[in-house]
Amino acid sequence: MDREKSLTKVYEGSARVGRVAKNLVSVTLKPEDFSSPIAFQMAISRIYESMIKMIESGGPKQSYIAEIRFTDDLGNNIVFGVDFGDNIPPFSSDKVKARILVEIYEEED
């Protein structure tokens, strides 16, 4: 990778650090899950089934994650997660700052 042909942008954002049951990470709620009472019941059923599978497979496995939030150059709110695994992050608060580095470059063939 030729670093001379790259552009770098740094964003400042915020993060919320917490613990999640890693087995439930695959469960997602989408906006359409809230579009009607029936869609919501189907989403709850998916969550219930995932919880039953988690219990049958030995219980929840805990993981520490950070939910990172920042605003891009077009004003869009960006949210993504960073998984710290089972290591407790060394922060005194669950609300911390985040610095996001974006590097754009060409790959050489």
N, C-alpha and C. Protein backbone atom coordinates (compact mmCIF):
# COMPACT_ATOMS: atom_id res chain seq x y z
N MET A 1 0.85 -1.17 0.00
CA MET A 1 0.00 0.00 0.00
C MET A 1 0.89 1.24 0.00
N ASP A 2 0.64 2.13 -0.91
CA ASP A 2 1.40 3.37 -1.02
C ASP A 2 0.73 4.43 -0.17
N ARG A 3 1.33 4.74 0.97
CA ARG A 3 0.76 5.72 1.91
C ARG A 3 0.71 7.12 1.34
N GLU A 4 1.53 7.40 0.30
CA GLU A 4 1.51 8.73 -0.29
C GLU A 4 0.21 8.97 -1.06
N LYS A 5 -0.45 7.92 -1.49
CA LYS A 5 -1.69 8.03 -2.24
C LYS A 5 -2.89 7.71 -1.35
N SER A 6 -2.87 8.23 -0.14
CA SER A 6 -4.00 7.99 0.75
C SER A 6 -4.47 9.31 1.33
N LEU A 7 -5.73 9.32 1.72
CA LEU A 7 -6.33 10.47 2.40
C LEU A 7 -6.81 9.99 3.76
N THR A 8 -6.63 10.82 4.77
CA THR A 8 -7.01 10.45 6.12
C THR A 8 -7.95 11.50 6.69
N LYS A 9 -8.97 11.06 7.38
CA LYS A 9 -9.93 11.95 8.04
C LYS A 9 -10.14 11.42 9.46
N VAL A 10 -10.14 12.32 10.43
CA VAL A 10 -10.36 11.94 11.83
C VAL A 10 -11.67 12.57 12.30
N TYR A 11 -12.51 11.75 12.94
CA TYR A 11 -13.78 12.21 13.51
C TYR A 11 -13.73 12.05 15.01
N GLU A 12 -14.44 12.93 15.69
CA GLU A 12 -14.59 12.82 17.14
C GLU A 12 -16.02 12.37 17.41
N GLY A 13 -16.19 11.47 18.33
CA GLY A 13 -17.51 10.97 18.66
C GLY A 13 -17.59 10.59 20.11
N SER A 14 -18.61 9.84 20.44
CA SER A 14 -18.79 9.37 21.81
C SER A 14 -19.01 7.87 21.78
N ALA A 15 -18.78 7.25 22.92
CA ALA A 15 -18.96 5.80 23.02
C ALA A 15 -19.64 5.48 24.34
N ARG A 16 -20.41 4.44 24.32
CA ARG A 16 -21.02 3.91 25.54
C ARG A 16 -20.56 2.47 25.65
N VAL A 17 -19.90 2.16 26.76
CA VAL A 17 -19.34 0.84 26.97
C VAL A 17 -20.28 0.04 27.86
N GLY A 18 -20.53 -1.19 27.50
CA GLY A 18 -21.41 -2.03 28.29
C GLY A 18 -21.14 -3.51 28.03
N ARG A 19 -21.89 -4.32 28.73
CA ARG A 19 -21.75 -5.77 28.63
C ARG A 19 -22.98 -6.32 27.92
N VAL A 20 -22.76 -7.28 27.04
CA VAL A 20 -23.86 -7.92 26.32
C VAL A 20 -23.70 -9.43 26.39
N ALA A 21 -24.80 -10.11 26.18
CA ALA A 21 -24.76 -11.57 26.03
C ALA A 21 -24.38 -11.84 24.59
N LYS A 22 -23.18 -12.32 24.38
CA LYS A 22 -22.65 -12.50 23.03
C LYS A 22 -23.54 -13.43 22.19
N ASN A 23 -24.19 -14.37 22.83
CA ASN A 23 -25.06 -15.30 22.09
C ASN A 23 -26.24 -14.58 21.44
N LEU A 24 -26.60 -13.40 21.95
CA LEU A 24 -27.75 -12.68 21.41
C LEU A 24 -27.36 -11.63 20.38
N VAL A 25 -26.08 -11.53 20.05
CA VAL A 25 -25.63 -10.52 19.10
C VAL A 25 -26.31 -10.71 17.75
N SER A 26 -26.62 -11.94 17.38
CA SER A 26 -27.24 -12.20 16.09
C SER A 26 -28.70 -11.73 16.02
N VAL A 27 -29.30 -11.43 17.17
CA VAL A 27 -30.68 -10.95 17.19
C VAL A 27 -30.67 -9.45 16.89
N THR A 28 -31.36 -9.08 15.85
CA THR A 28 -31.44 -7.67 15.49
C THR A 28 -32.90 -7.26 15.34
N LEU A 29 -33.17 -6.04 15.71
CA LEU A 29 -34.48 -5.45 15.51
C LEU A 29 -34.36 -4.41 14.39
N LYS A 30 -35.25 -4.49 13.44
CA LYS A 30 -35.24 -3.57 12.31
C LYS A 30 -36.46 -2.65 12.42
N PRO A 31 -36.43 -1.52 11.76
CA PRO A 31 -37.60 -0.62 11.82
C PRO A 31 -38.90 -1.31 11.43
N GLU A 32 -38.84 -2.24 10.48
CA GLU A 32 -40.07 -2.92 10.06
C GLU A 32 -40.65 -3.83 11.15
N ASP A 33 -39.81 -4.20 12.15
CA ASP A 33 -40.30 -5.00 13.27
C ASP A 33 -41.29 -4.22 14.13
N PHE A 34 -41.31 -2.90 13.99
CA PHE A 34 -42.22 -2.06 14.76
C PHE A 34 -43.35 -1.50 13.91
N SER A 35 -43.50 -2.03 12.69
CA SER A 35 -44.49 -1.49 11.76
C SER A 35 -45.92 -1.91 12.08
N SER A 36 -46.09 -3.00 12.81
CA SER A 36 -47.43 -3.45 13.19
C SER A 36 -47.33 -4.35 14.41
N PRO A 37 -48.43 -4.56 15.10
CA PRO A 37 -48.39 -5.47 16.25
C PRO A 37 -47.96 -6.89 15.87
N ILE A 38 -48.34 -7.35 14.70
CA ILE A 38 -47.96 -8.71 14.27
C ILE A 38 -46.46 -8.78 14.00
N ALA A 39 -45.91 -7.77 13.33
CA ALA A 39 -44.48 -7.74 13.06
C ALA A 39 -43.70 -7.70 14.37
N PHE A 40 -44.20 -6.97 15.34
CA PHE A 40 -43.54 -6.89 16.64
C PHE A 40 -43.58 -8.24 17.35
N GLN A 41 -44.71 -8.95 17.28
CA GLN A 41 -44.81 -10.28 17.89
C GLN A 41 -43.83 -11.25 17.24
N MET A 42 -43.67 -11.15 15.93
CA MET A 42 -42.72 -12.02 15.24
C MET A 42 -41.29 -11.73 15.71
N ALA A 43 -40.97 -10.46 15.90
CA ALA A 43 -39.64 -10.10 16.39
C ALA A 43 -39.42 -10.64 17.80
N ILE A 44 -40.43 -10.53 18.65
CA ILE A 44 -40.31 -11.05 20.02
C ILE A 44 -40.12 -12.57 19.97
N SER A 45 -40.80 -13.24 19.05
CA SER A 45 -40.64 -14.69 18.91
C SER A 45 -39.21 -15.05 18.51
N ARG A 46 -38.61 -14.27 17.59
CA ARG A 46 -37.21 -14.51 17.20
C ARG A 46 -36.29 -14.35 18.41
N ILE A 47 -36.53 -13.32 19.21
CA ILE A 47 -35.70 -13.09 20.40
C ILE A 47 -35.87 -14.25 21.38
N TYR A 48 -37.10 -14.68 21.58
CA TYR A 48 -37.39 -15.78 22.50
C TYR A 48 -36.67 -17.05 22.06
N GLU A 49 -36.76 -17.37 20.76
CA GLU A 49 -36.09 -18.56 20.24
C GLU A 49 -34.58 -18.49 20.44
N SER A 50 -34.01 -17.32 20.22
CA SER A 50 -32.57 -17.14 20.42
C SER A 50 -32.19 -17.32 21.87
N MET A 51 -33.03 -16.84 22.77
CA MET A 51 -32.75 -16.98 24.21
C MET A 51 -32.81 -18.45 24.62
N ILE A 52 -33.78 -19.18 24.10
CA ILE A 52 -33.89 -20.61 24.42
C ILE A 52 -32.65 -21.35 23.92
N LYS A 53 -32.21 -21.06 22.68
CA LYS A 53 -31.00 -21.70 22.14
C LYS A 53 -29.78 -21.36 23.00
N MET A 54 -29.71 -20.12 23.47
CA MET A 54 -28.59 -19.69 24.29
C MET A 54 -28.57 -20.48 25.60
N ILE A 55 -29.71 -20.64 26.22
CA ILE A 55 -29.79 -21.38 27.49
C ILE A 55 -29.44 -22.85 27.27
N GLU A 56 -29.93 -23.43 26.17
CA GLU A 56 -29.64 -24.83 25.87
C GLU A 56 -28.16 -25.07 25.58
N SER A 57 -27.48 -24.04 25.07
CA SER A 57 -26.07 -24.21 24.72
C SER A 57 -25.12 -23.84 25.86
N GLY A 58 -25.62 -23.73 27.06
CA GLY A 58 -24.75 -23.50 28.21
C GLY A 58 -24.85 -22.12 28.83
N GLY A 59 -25.80 -21.35 28.43
CA GLY A 59 -26.00 -20.05 29.06
C GLY A 59 -25.31 -18.92 28.32
N PRO A 60 -25.53 -17.71 28.83
CA PRO A 60 -24.98 -16.55 28.13
C PRO A 60 -23.46 -16.43 28.29
N LYS A 61 -22.82 -16.02 27.24
CA LYS A 61 -21.39 -15.73 27.26
C LYS A 61 -21.28 -14.21 27.20
N GLN A 62 -20.68 -13.61 28.21
CA GLN A 62 -20.60 -12.16 28.31
C GLN A 62 -19.45 -11.60 27.48
N SER A 63 -19.69 -10.43 26.92
CA SER A 63 -18.67 -9.73 26.15
C SER A 63 -18.85 -8.23 26.40
N TYR A 64 -17.77 -7.50 26.44
CA TYR A 64 -17.83 -6.05 26.60
C TYR A 64 -17.75 -5.40 25.22
N ILE A 65 -18.65 -4.46 24.97
CA ILE A 65 -18.66 -3.77 23.69
C ILE A 65 -18.76 -2.27 23.91
N ALA A 66 -18.41 -1.53 22.88
CA ALA A 66 -18.60 -0.08 22.88
C ALA A 66 -19.49 0.26 21.70
N GLU A 67 -20.52 1.02 21.97
CA GLU A 67 -21.37 1.55 20.90
C GLU A 67 -20.81 2.93 20.56
N ILE A 68 -20.25 3.07 19.37
CA ILE A 68 -19.59 4.29 18.93
C ILE A 68 -20.57 5.10 18.09
N ARG A 69 -20.65 6.41 18.37
CA ARG A 69 -21.52 7.31 17.62
C ARG A 69 -20.74 8.53 17.18
N PHE A 70 -20.92 8.91 15.91
CA PHE A 70 -20.37 10.18 15.43
C PHE A 70 -21.18 10.64 14.23
N THR A 71 -20.97 11.88 13.82
CA THR A 71 -21.67 12.45 12.67
C THR A 71 -20.68 12.62 11.54
N ASP A 72 -21.04 12.11 10.34
CA ASP A 72 -20.13 12.21 9.20
C ASP A 72 -20.22 13.60 8.56
N ASP A 73 -19.46 13.81 7.50
CA ASP A 73 -19.41 15.11 6.85
C ASP A 73 -20.71 15.52 6.16
N LEU A 74 -21.60 14.56 5.93
CA LEU A 74 -22.89 14.87 5.31
C LEU A 74 -24.00 15.03 6.35
N GLY A 75 -23.65 14.96 7.61
CA GLY A 75 -24.64 15.12 8.67
C GLY A 75 -25.34 13.84 9.07
N ASN A 76 -24.90 12.70 8.55
CA ASN A 76 -25.51 11.41 8.90
C ASN A 76 -24.97 10.93 10.25
N ASN A 77 -25.87 10.42 11.08
CA ASN A 77 -25.45 9.83 12.35
C ASN A 77 -24.97 8.41 12.07
N ILE A 78 -23.75 8.12 12.45
CA ILE A 78 -23.15 6.81 12.23
C ILE A 78 -23.02 6.12 13.58
N VAL A 79 -23.45 4.87 13.63
CA VAL A 79 -23.35 4.07 14.86
C VAL A 79 -22.76 2.71 14.49
N PHE A 80 -21.74 2.30 15.23
CA PHE A 80 -21.18 0.97 15.02
C PHE A 80 -20.62 0.46 16.35
N GLY A 81 -20.30 -0.81 16.39
CA GLY A 81 -19.85 -1.41 17.63
C GLY A 81 -18.42 -1.92 17.56
N VAL A 82 -17.76 -1.89 18.71
CA VAL A 82 -16.41 -2.44 18.85
C VAL A 82 -16.47 -3.46 19.98
N ASP A 83 -16.03 -4.68 19.71
CA ASP A 83 -16.08 -5.77 20.68
C ASP A 83 -14.73 -5.86 21.41
N PHE A 84 -14.76 -5.74 22.74
CA PHE A 84 -13.56 -5.86 23.56
C PHE A 84 -13.36 -7.29 24.07
N GLY A 85 -14.27 -8.20 23.72
CA GLY A 85 -14.18 -9.57 24.23
C GLY A 85 -14.56 -9.62 25.69
N ASP A 86 -13.98 -10.54 26.44
CA ASP A 86 -14.34 -10.67 27.85
C ASP A 86 -13.44 -9.85 28.76
N ASN A 87 -12.61 -8.97 28.16
CA ASN A 87 -11.75 -8.10 28.96
C ASN A 87 -12.50 -6.83 29.36
N ILE A 88 -12.50 -6.52 30.64
CA ILE A 88 -13.16 -5.32 31.13
C ILE A 88 -12.36 -4.11 30.66
N PRO A 89 -12.99 -3.17 29.94
CA PRO A 89 -12.26 -1.98 29.49
C PRO A 89 -11.79 -1.16 30.70
N PRO A 90 -10.64 -0.49 30.58
CA PRO A 90 -10.04 0.21 31.72
C PRO A 90 -10.60 1.60 31.97
N PHE A 91 -11.89 1.82 31.75
CA PHE A 91 -12.47 3.14 31.91
C PHE A 91 -13.22 3.23 33.24
N SER A 92 -13.25 4.42 33.82
CA SER A 92 -13.95 4.61 35.09
C SER A 92 -15.43 4.92 34.87
N SER A 93 -15.82 5.19 33.64
CA SER A 93 -17.21 5.52 33.31
C SER A 93 -17.65 4.70 32.11
N ASP A 94 -18.95 4.51 31.96
CA ASP A 94 -19.43 3.79 30.77
C ASP A 94 -19.62 4.73 29.58
N LYS A 95 -19.49 6.04 29.79
CA LYS A 95 -19.58 7.01 28.71
C LYS A 95 -18.20 7.63 28.51
N VAL A 96 -17.64 7.42 27.32
CA VAL A 96 -16.29 7.89 27.00
C VAL A 96 -16.30 8.55 25.62
N LYS A 97 -15.20 9.14 25.27
CA LYS A 97 -15.03 9.77 23.95
C LYS A 97 -14.43 8.75 22.99
N ALA A 98 -14.62 9.00 21.69
CA ALA A 98 -14.07 8.11 20.66
C ALA A 98 -13.45 8.94 19.55
N ARG A 99 -12.34 8.48 19.05
CA ARG A 99 -11.70 9.10 17.90
C ARG A 99 -11.72 8.06 16.79
N ILE A 100 -12.29 8.45 15.66
CA ILE A 100 -12.45 7.52 14.54
C ILE A 100 -11.53 7.98 13.41
N LEU A 101 -10.65 7.10 12.98
CA LEU A 101 -9.71 7.41 11.90
C LEU A 101 -10.14 6.66 10.65
N VAL A 102 -10.33 7.41 9.56
CA VAL A 102 -10.69 6.80 8.29
C VAL A 102 -9.56 7.07 7.31
N GLU A 103 -9.03 6.00 6.73
CA GLU A 103 -7.97 6.15 5.74
C GLU A 103 -8.49 5.58 4.43
N ILE A 104 -8.40 6.38 3.38
CA ILE A 104 -8.85 5.97 2.05
C ILE A 104 -7.62 5.86 1.16
N TYR A 105 -7.48 4.70 0.49
CA TYR A 105 -6.29 4.46 -0.32
C TYR A 105 -6.63 3.54 -1.48
N GLU A 106 -5.76 3.52 -2.47
CA GLU A 106 -5.89 2.62 -3.61
C GLU A 106 -5.07 1.37 -3.35
N GLU A 107 -5.61 0.23 -3.72
CA GLU A 107 -4.84 -1.00 -3.68
C GLU A 107 -4.12 -1.16 -5.00
N GLU A 108 -2.85 -1.57 -4.88
CA GLU A 108 -2.10 -1.81 -6.10
C GLU A 108 -2.31 -3.24 -6.53
N ASP A 109 -2.41 -3.46 -7.84
CA ASP A 109 -2.64 -4.82 -8.36
C ASP A 109 -1.40 -5.65 -8.31
